Protein backbone atom coordinates (compact mmCIF):
# COMPACT_ATOMS: atom_id res chain seq x y z
CA MET A 1 3.86 26.89 -11.33
CA PRO A 2 6.10 24.47 -13.25
CA LYS A 3 9.84 25.09 -13.07
CA PRO A 4 11.51 26.02 -16.37
CA ASP A 5 14.05 23.55 -17.71
CA LEU A 6 17.46 25.24 -17.74
CA PHE A 7 18.67 23.44 -20.85
CA THR A 8 15.77 23.62 -23.30
CA GLY A 9 13.68 26.45 -21.88
CA THR A 10 10.55 24.28 -21.70
CA ALA A 11 8.53 23.63 -18.56
CA TRP A 12 9.18 20.39 -16.66
CA GLU A 13 6.40 18.75 -14.64
CA LYS A 14 6.70 16.05 -12.02
CA PRO A 15 5.12 12.70 -12.92
CA PRO A 16 1.85 11.97 -11.07
CA ARG A 17 2.14 10.19 -7.73
CA GLN A 18 0.76 6.73 -7.14
CA LYS A 19 -2.26 6.41 -4.90
CA PRO A 20 -1.29 5.36 -1.38
CA ARG A 21 -1.73 1.69 -0.55
CA VAL A 22 -4.42 0.70 1.92
CA MET A 23 -2.77 -1.33 4.67
CA ALA A 24 -4.40 -4.04 6.79
CA HIS A 25 -3.17 -3.96 10.39
CA VAL A 26 -2.81 -6.56 13.13
CA ALA A 27 -6.16 -7.73 14.48
CA ASP A 28 -4.89 -10.64 16.58
CA ALA A 29 -1.55 -12.35 17.13
CA GLY A 30 -0.49 -15.64 18.63
CA VAL A 31 2.83 -17.28 19.38
CA ASP A 32 3.79 -18.06 15.79
CA SER A 33 0.85 -16.78 13.68
CA ILE A 34 -0.87 -13.45 13.09
CA CYS A 35 -4.19 -12.17 11.66
CA PHE A 36 -4.60 -8.86 9.79
CA GLU A 37 -7.76 -6.80 9.22
CA CYS A 38 -8.41 -3.84 6.86
CA PRO A 39 -10.01 -0.82 8.56
CA GLN A 40 -11.67 0.36 5.33
CA CYS A 41 -13.34 -2.74 3.89
CA GLY A 42 -13.14 -5.22 6.78
CA TRP A 43 -11.06 -7.80 4.84
CA GLU A 44 -9.37 -10.37 7.08
CA SER A 45 -6.22 -12.24 6.08
CA GLY A 46 -6.88 -15.30 8.19
CA TRP A 47 -4.05 -16.77 10.26
CA ILE A 48 -0.62 -16.32 8.65
CA ASP A 49 2.61 -17.89 9.89
CA TYR A 50 4.67 -15.22 11.63
CA ASP A 51 7.75 -15.12 9.36
CA PHE A 52 8.49 -11.37 9.48
CA SER A 53 9.77 -8.90 12.08
CA LEU A 54 7.68 -7.10 14.68
CA THR A 55 8.21 -3.80 12.84
CA GLU A 56 6.89 -5.27 9.58
CA ALA A 57 3.87 -6.68 11.41
CA LYS A 58 3.06 -3.28 12.95
CA ARG A 59 3.41 -1.62 9.54
CA GLY A 60 0.78 -3.96 8.15
CA ILE A 61 0.26 -5.73 4.83
CA PRO A 62 -1.47 -4.39 1.71
CA CYS A 63 -5.22 -5.10 1.67
CA GLU A 64 -6.03 -7.45 -1.20
CA ASN A 65 -9.51 -5.99 -1.85
CA CYS A 66 -8.76 -2.25 -1.64
CA ASN A 67 -5.46 -2.39 -3.55
CA LYS A 68 -6.85 -4.68 -6.27
CA GLU A 69 -9.04 -1.83 -7.54
CA SER A 70 -6.22 0.74 -7.54
CA ASN A 71 -3.78 -1.69 -9.26
CA HIS A 72 -6.35 -2.33 -12.00
CA GLU A 73 -6.69 1.42 -12.64
CA GLN A 74 -2.91 1.89 -12.89
CA LYS A 75 -2.47 -0.96 -15.39
CA SER A 76 -5.09 0.44 -17.75
CA HIS A 77 -3.08 3.64 -18.36
């Protein structure tokens, strides 16, 4: 049930949430380069120079294929 607004007496609703991003995770790593793979669509990033922290690498990068579709839907609104 929406919470009433204390000042105007009208109902206030939260804005809709964005869809979660699909993240590609580490598939293989070398000394100074890394390769990511998406578990949903199988997209591979190829070898990327390792210019970010270990924590950022474990978090993953956004999948270009899966997130392209969701970004297109958000822009059309």
